[in-house]
Amino acid sequence: MGTETIDASLLKRPPPRPRAPPSDEEGRRSQSAGDASSAPETTLATSTLRCPVCNKGKKACGRVIRDTQEMGLAKKKGDVFEAQRLIKTLRAHGHRPSSRTYTTLLATISNSRDPEGCERTLFTEMPADGVVADEPCYNAVLQAWCTARQPARAEQVMLRMKEAGLAPSHDTYGHLITAYGEAGNVGPAEKLLRDMEKLKLYPKESTINGLVKGLCRAELYDAARDVIDKMLNDSLNMELVAARKSKLRPSATTFGHLMNAYCETEQVRKARDL
């Protein structure tokens, strides 16, 4: 049998056809795919919650309750990283953190003296997760600014709290009044006390004690003495006592703050006069 020869030109591949330019529709699909690959992680407010209990939004599911309790342990240890890890894990598994979960997280961040981190959590992360902040959440952020000795920033948080339709509590005013006292700003502290009176939110002994303690730390001993004298005078005003439904008098703790301050500055005679 003879050997057949094959034309070498038949072994060559034909050149590829030039590809037609994409249509407008294909271009849009390609652009959308590229945007999706580079888009940031979606939040719970824009994604479907896989947990049926969380999806209803009426109450927290068992997983959220359990992780919130674990977050409480992280709070006691001061472990902000662990608290944040727990809340990210809840999101990743399709659960919605509850307001209590966020209150625990905010308290943990507040204890680490990171007021800016608290604000970011309250005003950015919580709305993104579809969680409505309550009064304890705002108080945690406010307390963080007070601890940082920036009562003016703390008062801004209280204003935003009011704008959200929430009423400040004794704790809210107490943190602010103490912070202003420690900063030596008697005027704003007294104004807040008057605001409390107008709202019929009469100050507790702990609020007054915090103010006296703050004034003593700021070495404003005369101002602290004026606060104590006003408490004594108010306790003798029967009309005011009837309105408050209680008699607010300086306690041993109240006097003790000022007496200790007098003794530490070698003003023993003034301490005895108390």
C-alpha atoms as a PDB file:
ATOM      1  CA  MET A   1       0.000   0.000   0.000  1.00  0.00           C
ATOM      2  CA  GLY A   2       1.445   3.374  -0.922  1.00  0.00           C
ATOM      3  CA  THR A   3       1.917   6.070   1.592  1.00  0.00           C
ATOM      4  CA  GLU A   4      -0.478   8.995   1.153  1.00  0.00           C
ATOM      5  CA  THR A   5       0.857  12.445   1.596  1.00  0.00           C
ATOM      6  CA  ILE A   6      -1.252  15.021   3.456  1.00  0.00           C
ATOM      7  CA  ASP A   7      -1.246  18.583   2.407  1.00  0.00           C
ATOM      8  CA  ALA A   8       0.359  20.585   5.269  1.00  0.00           C
ATOM      9  CA  SER A   9      -2.034  23.457   4.711  1.00  0.00           C
ATOM     10  CA  LEU A  10      -4.874  21.251   5.954  1.00  0.00           C
ATOM     11  CA  LEU A  11      -3.211  20.916   9.400  1.00  0.00           C
ATOM     12  CA  LYS A  12      -3.274  24.635  10.054  1.00  0.00           C
ATOM     13  CA  ARG A  13      -6.086  25.992  12.218  1.00  0.00           C
ATOM     14  CA  PRO A  14      -8.242  28.604  10.634  1.00  0.00           C
ATOM     15  CA  PRO A  15      -7.744  32.049  12.084  1.00  0.00           C
ATOM     16  CA  PRO A  16     -10.319  32.939  14.818  1.00  0.00           C
ATOM     17  CA  ARG A  17     -13.259  35.034  13.820  1.00  0.00           C
ATOM     18  CA  PRO A  18     -13.144  38.575  15.108  1.00  0.00           C
ATOM     19  CA  ARG A  19     -15.501  38.890  18.068  1.00  0.00           C
ATOM     20  CA  ALA A  20     -18.347  41.303  17.640  1.00  0.00           C
ATOM     21  CA  PRO A  21     -18.518  44.158  20.126  1.00  0.00           C
ATOM     22  CA  PRO A  22     -20.887  43.424  23.058  1.00  0.00           C
ATOM     23  CA  SER A  23     -24.384  44.730  22.890  1.00  0.00           C
ATOM     24  CA  ASP A  24     -25.629  47.373  25.318  1.00  0.00           C
ATOM     25  CA  GLU A  25     -27.445  44.711  27.370  1.00  0.00           C
ATOM     26  CA  GLU A  26     -24.346  42.510  27.639  1.00  0.00           C
ATOM     27  CA  GLY A  27     -22.294  45.525  28.638  1.00  0.00           C
ATOM     28  CA  ARG A  28     -24.692  46.345  31.443  1.00  0.00           C
ATOM     29  CA  ARG A  29     -24.642  42.737  32.709  1.00  0.00           C
ATOM     30  CA  SER A  30     -20.840  42.717  32.673  1.00  0.00           C
ATOM     31  CA  GLN A  31     -20.704  46.032  34.524  1.00  0.00           C
ATOM     32  CA  SER A  32     -23.189  44.759  37.133  1.00  0.00           C
ATOM     33  CA  ALA A  33     -21.127  41.619  37.717  1.00  0.00           C
ATOM     34  CA  GLY A  34     -17.997  43.692  38.206  1.00  0.00           C
ATOM     35  CA  ASP A  35     -19.750  45.990  40.673  1.00  0.00           C
ATOM     36  CA  ALA A  36     -21.073  43.018  42.663  1.00  0.00           C
ATOM     37  CA  SER A  37     -17.618  41.491  43.010  1.00  0.00           C
ATOM     38  CA  SER A  38     -16.175  44.715  44.374  1.00  0.00           C
ATOM     39  CA  ALA A  39     -19.196  45.735  46.498  1.00  0.00           C
ATOM     40  CA  PRO A  40     -18.805  45.873  50.278  1.00  0.00           C
ATOM     41  CA  GLU A  41     -20.415  43.293  52.534  1.00  0.00           C
ATOM     42  CA  THR A  42     -24.185  43.727  52.687  1.00  0.00           C
ATOM     43  CA  THR A  43     -25.775  44.564  55.991  1.00  0.00           C
ATOM     44  CA  LEU A  44     -28.661  42.797  57.664  1.00  0.00           C
ATOM     45  CA  ALA A  45     -30.942  45.685  56.796  1.00  0.00           C
ATOM     46  CA  THR A  46     -30.504  44.960  53.064  1.00  0.00           C
ATOM     47  CA  SER A  47     -30.128  41.180  53.111  1.00  0.00           C
ATOM     48  CA  THR A  48     -32.476  38.321  53.931  1.00  0.00           C
ATOM     49  CA  LEU A  49     -32.248  37.053  57.476  1.00  0.00           C
ATOM     50  CA  ARG A  50     -31.940  33.282  57.427  1.00  0.00           C
ATOM     51  CA  CYS A  51     -33.178  32.892  61.014  1.00  0.00           C
ATOM     52  CA  PRO A  52     -37.014  32.762  60.975  1.00  0.00           C
ATOM     53  CA  VAL A  53     -37.258  34.152  64.515  1.00  0.00           C
ATOM     54  CA  CYS A  54     -34.936  37.094  63.802  1.00  0.00           C
ATOM     55  CA  ASN A  55     -36.718  37.689  60.505  1.00  0.00           C
ATOM     56  CA  LYS A  56     -39.981  38.396  62.336  1.00  0.00           C
ATOM     57  CA  GLY A  57     -38.177  41.038  64.381  1.00  0.00           C
ATOM     58  CA  LYS A  58     -40.400  40.621  67.439  1.00  0.00           C
ATOM     59  CA  LYS A  59     -37.955  38.907  69.783  1.00  0.00           C
ATOM     60  CA  ALA A  60     -34.427  37.546  69.887  1.00  0.00           C
ATOM     61  CA  CYS A  61     -33.815  33.921  69.010  1.00  0.00           C
ATOM     62  CA  GLY A  62     -31.993  31.456  71.246  1.00  0.00           C
ATOM     63  CA  ARG A  63     -28.691  31.925  69.443  1.00  0.00           C
ATOM     64  CA  VAL A  64     -28.809  35.706  69.914  1.00  0.00           C
ATOM     65  CA  ILE A  65     -29.673  35.319  73.604  1.00  0.00           C
ATOM     66  CA  ARG A  66     -26.843  32.837  74.147  1.00  0.00           C
ATOM     67  CA  ASP A  67     -24.243  34.950  72.345  1.00  0.00           C
ATOM     68  CA  THR A  68     -25.403  38.057  74.219  1.00  0.00           C
ATOM     69  CA  GLN A  69     -24.753  36.226  77.496  1.00  0.00           C
ATOM     70  CA  GLU A  70     -21.281  35.271  76.255  1.00  0.00           C
ATOM     71  CA  MET A  71     -20.735  38.901  75.337  1.00  0.00           C
ATOM     72  CA  GLY A  72     -21.529  39.783  78.953  1.00  0.00           C
ATOM     73  CA  LEU A  73     -18.609  37.604  80.017  1.00  0.00           C
ATOM     74  CA  ALA A  74     -16.399  39.390  77.484  1.00  0.00           C
ATOM     75  CA  LYS A  75     -17.549  42.681  78.981  1.00  0.00           C
ATOM     76  CA  LYS A  76     -16.453  41.601  82.455  1.00  0.00           C
ATOM     77  CA  LYS A  77     -13.040  40.666  81.048  1.00  0.00           C
ATOM     78  CA  GLY A  78     -12.811  43.905  79.090  1.00  0.00           C
ATOM     79  CA  ASP A  79     -12.371  41.892  75.875  1.00  0.00           C
ATOM     80  CA  VAL A  80     -13.660  44.230  73.147  1.00  0.00           C
ATOM     81  CA  PHE A  81     -12.300  41.993  70.372  1.00  0.00           C
ATOM     82  CA  GLU A  82     -14.306  38.997  71.589  1.00  0.00           C
ATOM     83  CA  ALA A  83     -17.480  41.071  71.914  1.00  0.00           C
ATOM     84  CA  GLN A  84     -17.103  42.349  68.357  1.00  0.00           C
ATOM     85  CA  ARG A  85     -16.315  38.841  67.082  1.00  0.00           C
ATOM     86  CA  LEU A  86     -19.536  37.503  68.582  1.00  0.00           C
ATOM     87  CA  ILE A  87     -21.705  40.140  66.938  1.00  0.00           C
ATOM     88  CA  LYS A  88     -20.002  39.632  63.558  1.00  0.00           C
ATOM     89  CA  THR A  89     -20.616  35.886  63.855  1.00  0.00           C
ATOM     90  CA  LEU A  90     -24.310  36.510  64.482  1.00  0.00           C
ATOM     91  CA  ARG A  91     -24.534  38.607  61.333  1.00  0.00           C
ATOM     92  CA  ALA A  92     -22.613  36.030  59.290  1.00  0.00           C
ATOM     93  CA  HIS A  93     -25.099  33.298  60.272  1.00  0.00           C
ATOM     94  CA  GLY A  94     -28.150  35.378  59.375  1.00  0.00           C
ATOM     95  CA  HIS A  95     -29.154  36.529  62.868  1.00  0.00           C
ATOM     96  CA  ARG A  96     -30.124  40.037  63.913  1.00  0.00           C
ATOM     97  CA  PRO A  97     -28.436  41.241  67.134  1.00  0.00           C
ATOM     98  CA  SER A  98     -30.931  42.596  69.656  1.00  0.00           C
ATOM     99  CA  SER A  99     -30.829  45.992  71.355  1.00  0.00           C
ATOM    100  CA  ARG A 100     -29.600  44.206  74.475  1.00  0.00           C
ATOM    101  CA  THR A 101     -26.772  42.669  72.444  1.00  0.00           C
ATOM    102  CA  TYR A 102     -25.742  46.124  71.328  1.00  0.00           C
ATOM    103  CA  THR A 103     -26.118  47.575  74.812  1.00  0.00           C
ATOM    104  CA  THR A 104     -23.631  44.965  76.055  1.00  0.00           C
ATOM    105  CA  LEU A 105     -21.259  45.696  73.165  1.00  0.00           C
ATOM    106  CA  LEU A 106     -21.497  49.453  73.761  1.00  0.00           C
ATOM    107  CA  ALA A 107     -20.801  49.019  77.473  1.00  0.00           C
ATOM    108  CA  THR A 108     -17.747  46.906  76.630  1.00  0.00           C
ATOM    109  CA  ILE A 109     -16.418  49.546  74.235  1.00  0.00           C
ATOM    110  CA  SER A 110     -17.263  52.298  76.734  1.00  0.00           C
ATOM    111  CA  ASN A 111     -15.250  50.563  79.451  1.00  0.00           C
ATOM    112  CA  SER A 112     -12.275  50.518  77.085  1.00  0.00           C
ATOM    113  CA  ARG A 113     -12.545  54.325  76.900  1.00  0.00           C
ATOM    114  CA  ASP A 114     -13.285  54.503  73.193  1.00  0.00           C
ATOM    115  CA  PRO A 115     -16.150  57.010  72.859  1.00  0.00           C
ATOM    116  CA  GLU A 116     -15.646  57.381  69.109  1.00  0.00           C
ATOM    117  CA  GLY A 117     -15.986  53.611  68.690  1.00  0.00           C
ATOM    118  CA  CYS A 118     -19.194  53.787  70.734  1.00  0.00           C
ATOM    119  CA  GLU A 119     -20.626  56.500  68.493  1.00  0.00           C
ATOM    120  CA  ARG A 120     -19.717  54.549  65.358  1.00  0.00           C
ATOM    121  CA  THR A 121     -21.533  51.500  66.729  1.00  0.00           C
ATOM    122  CA  LEU A 122     -24.605  53.485  67.797  1.00  0.00           C
ATOM    123  CA  PHE A 123     -25.062  55.732  64.783  1.00  0.00           C
ATOM    124  CA  THR A 124     -23.725  53.514  61.965  1.00  0.00           C
ATOM    125  CA  GLU A 125     -23.732  49.802  62.788  1.00  0.00           C
ATOM    126  CA  MET A 126     -27.057  49.626  64.610  1.00  0.00           C
ATOM    127  CA  PRO A 127     -29.076  51.376  61.862  1.00  0.00           C
ATOM    128  CA  ALA A 128     -27.330  49.170  59.256  1.00  0.00           C
ATOM    129  CA  ASP A 129     -28.507  46.079  61.156  1.00  0.00           C
ATOM    130  CA  GLY A 130     -32.011  47.457  61.513  1.00  0.00           C
ATOM    131  CA  VAL A 131     -31.761  47.649  65.317  1.00  0.00           C
ATOM    132  CA  VAL A 132     -33.434  50.604  67.031  1.00  0.00           C
ATOM    133  CA  ALA A 133     -31.341  52.050  69.860  1.00  0.00           C
ATOM    134  CA  ASP A 134     -32.982  52.424  73.259  1.00  0.00           C
ATOM    135  CA  GLU A 135     -32.134  54.616  76.250  1.00  0.00           C
ATOM    136  CA  PRO A 136     -29.448  52.288  77.716  1.00  0.00           C
ATOM    137  CA  CYS A 137     -27.624  52.310  74.353  1.00  0.00           C
ATOM    138  CA  TYR A 138     -27.455  56.106  74.314  1.00  0.00           C
ATOM    139  CA  ASN A 139     -26.446  56.186  77.973  1.00  0.00           C
ATOM    140  CA  ALA A 140     -23.519  53.853  77.285  1.00  0.00           C
ATOM    141  CA  VAL A 141     -22.184  56.215  74.601  1.00  0.00           C
ATOM    142  CA  LEU A 142     -22.847  59.256  76.777  1.00  0.00           C
ATOM    143  CA  GLN A 143     -20.999  57.660  79.690  1.00  0.00           C
ATOM    144  CA  ALA A 144     -18.021  56.957  77.427  1.00  0.00           C
ATOM    145  CA  TRP A 145     -17.678  60.661  76.627  1.00  0.00           C
ATOM    146  CA  CYS A 146     -18.121  61.561  80.306  1.00  0.00           C
ATOM    147  CA  THR A 147     -15.360  59.115  81.252  1.00  0.00           C
ATOM    148  CA  ALA A 148     -13.183  60.777  78.626  1.00  0.00           C
ATOM    149  CA  ARG A 149     -13.912  64.087  80.423  1.00  0.00           C
ATOM    150  CA  GLN A 150     -15.678  65.591  77.452  1.00  0.00           C
ATOM    151  CA  PRO A 151     -19.123  66.422  78.862  1.00  0.00           C
ATOM    152  CA  ALA A 152     -19.946  68.755  75.954  1.00  0.00           C
ATOM    153  CA  ARG A 153     -19.698  65.819  73.530  1.00  0.00           C
ATOM    154  CA  ALA A 154     -21.757  63.749  75.944  1.00  0.00           C
ATOM    155  CA  GLU A 155     -24.482  66.396  75.966  1.00  0.00           C
ATOM    156  CA  GLN A 156     -24.595  66.237  72.153  1.00  0.00           C
ATOM    157  CA  VAL A 157     -25.404  62.539  72.486  1.00  0.00           C
ATOM    158  CA  MET A 158     -28.267  63.439  74.837  1.00  0.00           C
ATOM    159  CA  LEU A 159     -29.608  65.904  72.246  1.00  0.00           C
ATOM    160  CA  ARG A 160     -29.590  63.205  69.581  1.00  0.00           C
ATOM    161  CA  MET A 161     -31.288  60.931  72.082  1.00  0.00           C
ATOM    162  CA  LYS A 162     -34.105  63.457  72.424  1.00  0.00           C
ATOM    163  CA  GLU A 163     -34.316  63.823  68.632  1.00  0.00           C
ATOM    164  CA  ALA A 164     -34.847  60.052  68.450  1.00  0.00           C
ATOM    165  CA  GLY A 165     -37.883  60.457  70.707  1.00  0.00           C
ATOM    166  CA  LEU A 166     -36.265  59.032  73.849  1.00  0.00           C
ATOM    167  CA  ALA A 167     -36.485  60.720  77.246  1.00  0.00           C
ATOM    168  CA  PRO A 168     -33.253  61.068  79.272  1.00  0.00           C
ATOM    169  CA  SER A 169     -33.321  59.261  82.604  1.00  0.00           C
ATOM    170  CA  HIS A 170     -31.769  59.889  86.007  1.00  0.00           C
ATOM    171  CA  ASP A 171     -28.699  58.004  84.812  1.00  0.00           C
ATOM    172  CA  THR A 172     -28.389  60.251  81.754  1.00  0.00           C
ATOM    173  CA  TYR A 173     -28.442  63.433  83.811  1.00  0.00           C
ATOM    174  CA  GLY A 174     -26.349  61.881  86.567  1.00  0.00           C
ATOM    175  CA  HIS A 175     -23.444  61.065  84.229  1.00  0.00           C
ATOM    176  CA  LEU A 176     -23.536  64.553  82.721  1.00  0.00           C
ATOM    177  CA  ILE A 177     -23.782  66.420  86.014  1.00  0.00           C
ATOM    178  CA  THR A 178     -20.885  64.469  87.514  1.00  0.00           C
ATOM    179  CA  ALA A 179     -18.762  65.020  84.392  1.00  0.00           C
ATOM    180  CA  TYR A 180     -19.389  68.760  84.403  1.00  0.00           C
ATOM    181  CA  GLY A 181     -18.580  68.870  88.102  1.00  0.00           C
ATOM    182  CA  GLU A 182     -15.275  67.069  87.560  1.00  0.00           C
ATOM    183  CA  ALA A 183     -14.470  69.499  84.752  1.00  0.00           C
ATOM    184  CA  GLY A 184     -15.127  72.403  87.112  1.00  0.00           C
ATOM    185  CA  ASN A 185     -18.056  73.681  85.007  1.00  0.00           C
ATOM    186  CA  VAL A 186     -20.584  74.539  87.694  1.00  0.00           C
ATOM    187  CA  GLY A 187     -22.886  76.505  85.364  1.00  0.00           C
ATOM    188  CA  PRO A 188     -23.826  73.636  83.003  1.00  0.00           C
ATOM    189  CA  ALA A 189     -24.227  71.265  85.970  1.00  0.00           C
ATOM    190  CA  GLU A 190     -26.660  73.639  87.686  1.00  0.00           C
ATOM    191  CA  LYS A 191     -28.565  74.128  84.414  1.00  0.00           C
ATOM    192  CA  LEU A 192     -28.995  70.382  84.075  1.00  0.00           C
ATOM    193  CA  LEU A 193     -30.318  70.226  87.632  1.00  0.00           C
ATOM    194  CA  ARG A 194     -32.868  72.920  86.765  1.00  0.00           C
ATOM    195  CA  ASP A 195     -33.827  71.010  83.609  1.00  0.00           C
ATOM    196  CA  MET A 196     -34.461  67.948  85.731  1.00  0.00           C
ATOM    197  CA  GLU A 197     -36.732  69.968  88.031  1.00  0.00           C
ATOM    198  CA  LYS A 198     -38.731  71.241  85.017  1.00  0.00           C
ATOM    199  CA  LEU A 199     -39.210  67.708  83.772  1.00  0.00           C
ATOM    200  CA  LYS A 200     -40.241  66.619  87.286  1.00  0.00           C
ATOM    201  CA  LEU A 201     -37.262  64.290  87.103  1.00  0.00           C
ATOM    202  CA  TYR A 202     -35.988  65.132  90.550  1.00  0.00           C
ATOM    203  CA  PRO A 203     -32.329  64.352  91.226  1.00  0.00           C
ATOM    204  CA  LYS A 204     -31.429  61.353  93.310  1.00  0.00           C
ATOM    205  CA  GLU A 205     -28.929  61.397  96.135  1.00  0.00           C
ATOM    206  CA  SER A 206     -26.428  59.621  93.866  1.00  0.00           C
ATOM    207  CA  THR A 207     -26.670  62.477  91.340  1.00  0.00           C
ATOM    208  CA  ILE A 208     -25.941  65.116  93.978  1.00  0.00           C
ATOM    209  CA  ASN A 209     -23.160  63.003  95.461  1.00  0.00           C
ATOM    210  CA  GLY A 210     -21.602  62.721  92.016  1.00  0.00           C
ATOM    211  CA  LEU A 211     -21.713  66.490  91.593  1.00  0.00           C
ATOM    212  CA  VAL A 212     -20.168  67.154  95.007  1.00  0.00           C
ATOM    213  CA  LYS A 213     -17.473  64.570  94.366  1.00  0.00           C
ATOM    214  CA  GLY A 214     -16.733  66.107  90.979  1.00  0.00           C
ATOM    215  CA  LEU A 215     -16.479  69.604  92.387  1.00  0.00           C
ATOM    216  CA  CYS A 216     -14.102  68.384  95.070  1.00  0.00           C
ATOM    217  CA  ARG A 217     -11.905  66.745  92.452  1.00  0.00           C
ATOM    218  CA  ALA A 218     -11.834  70.064  90.624  1.00  0.00           C
ATOM    219  CA  GLU A 219     -10.856  71.726  93.962  1.00  0.00           C
ATOM    220  CA  LEU A 220     -14.024  73.839  93.916  1.00  0.00           C
ATOM    221  CA  TYR A 221     -14.740  73.329  97.596  1.00  0.00           C
ATOM    222  CA  ASP A 222     -16.916  76.418  98.064  1.00  0.00           C
ATOM    223  CA  ALA A 223     -19.122  75.362  95.160  1.00  0.00           C
ATOM    224  CA  ALA A 224     -19.428  71.877  96.685  1.00  0.00           C
ATOM    225  CA  ARG A 225     -20.419  73.445 100.007  1.00  0.00           C
ATOM    226  CA  ASP A 226     -23.059  75.551  98.219  1.00  0.00           C
ATOM    227  CA  VAL A 227     -24.585  72.389  96.731  1.00  0.00           C
ATOM    228  CA  ILE A 228     -24.822  70.792 100.179  1.00  0.00           C
ATOM    229  CA  ASP A 229     -26.353  73.946 101.692  1.00  0.00           C
ATOM    230  CA  LYS A 230     -28.941  74.050  98.893  1.00  0.00           C
ATOM    231  CA  MET A 231     -29.864  70.432  99.621  1.00  0.00           C
ATOM    232  CA  LEU A 232     -30.407  71.308 103.268  1.00  0.00           C
ATOM    233  CA  ASN A 233     -32.540  74.351 102.396  1.00  0.00           C
ATOM    234  CA  ASP A 234     -34.612  72.377  99.879  1.00  0.00           C
ATOM    235  CA  SER A 235     -35.296  69.707 102.490  1.00  0.00           C
ATOM    236  CA  LEU A 236     -36.927  72.381 104.649  1.00  0.00           C
ATOM    237  CA  ASN A 237     -39.146  73.606 101.780  1.00  0.00           C
ATOM    238  CA  MET A 238     -42.331  71.626 102.373  1.00  0.00           C
ATOM    239  CA  GLU A 239     -43.853  72.635  99.025  1.00  0.00           C
ATOM    240  CA  LEU A 240     -40.812  71.299  97.173  1.00  0.00           C
ATOM    241  CA  VAL A 241     -40.730  68.178  99.308  1.00  0.00           C
ATOM    242  CA  ALA A 242     -44.408  67.553  98.493  1.00  0.00           C
ATOM    243  CA  ALA A 243     -43.732  67.986  94.762  1.00  0.00           C
ATOM    244  CA  ARG A 244     -40.798  65.587  94.891  1.00  0.00           C
ATOM    245  CA  LYS A 245     -42.707  63.178  97.138  1.00  0.00           C
ATOM    246  CA  SER A 246     -39.479  62.704  99.052  1.00  0.00           C
ATOM    247  CA  LYS A 247     -37.069  64.655 101.201  1.00  0.00           C
ATOM    248  CA  LEU A 248     -33.620  64.849  99.638  1.00  0.00           C
ATOM    249  CA  ARG A 249     -31.028  65.497 102.327  1.00  0.00           C
ATOM    250  CA  PRO A 250     -27.228  65.244 102.291  1.00  0.00           C
ATOM    251  CA  SER A 251     -26.107  61.839 103.473  1.00  0.00           C
ATOM    252  CA  ALA A 252     -22.929  60.765 105.206  1.00  0.00           C
ATOM    253  CA  THR A 253     -21.522  60.044 101.736  1.00  0.00           C
ATOM    254  CA  THR A 254     -22.308  63.583 100.576  1.00  0.00           C
ATOM    255  CA  PHE A 255     -20.569  65.152 103.557  1.00  0.00           C
ATOM    256  CA  GLY A 256     -17.771  62.609 103.345  1.00  0.00           C
ATOM    257  CA  HIS A 257     -16.652  63.757  99.878  1.00  0.00           C
ATOM    258  CA  LEU A 258     -16.204  67.329 101.085  1.00  0.00           C
ATOM    259  CA  MET A 259     -14.750  66.404 104.471  1.00  0.00           C
ATOM    260  CA  ASN A 260     -12.109  64.202 102.840  1.00  0.00           C
ATOM    261  CA  ALA A 261     -11.248  66.992 100.430  1.00  0.00           C
ATOM    262  CA  TYR A 262     -10.862  69.479 103.292  1.00  0.00           C
ATOM    263  CA  CYS A 263      -8.642  67.086 105.231  1.00  0.00           C
ATOM    264  CA  GLU A 264      -6.461  66.327 102.218  1.00  0.00           C
ATOM    265  CA  THR A 265      -5.862  70.060 101.767  1.00  0.00           C
ATOM    266  CA  GLU A 266      -5.265  70.583 105.494  1.00  0.00           C
ATOM    267  CA  GLN A 267      -8.470  72.564 106.042  1.00  0.00           C
ATOM    268  CA  VAL A 268      -9.337  70.700 109.222  1.00  0.00           C
ATOM    269  CA  ARG A 269     -11.409  73.507 110.727  1.00  0.00           C
ATOM    270  CA  LYS A 270     -13.761  73.577 107.748  1.00  0.00           C
ATOM    271  CA  ALA A 271     -14.075  69.820 107.947  1.00  0.00           C
ATOM    272  CA  ARG A 272     -15.109  70.096 111.611  1.00  0.00           C
ATOM    273  CA  ASP A 273     -17.665  72.812 110.786  1.00  0.00           C
ATOM    274  CA  LEU A 274     -19.497  70.390 108.539  1.00  0.00           C
END
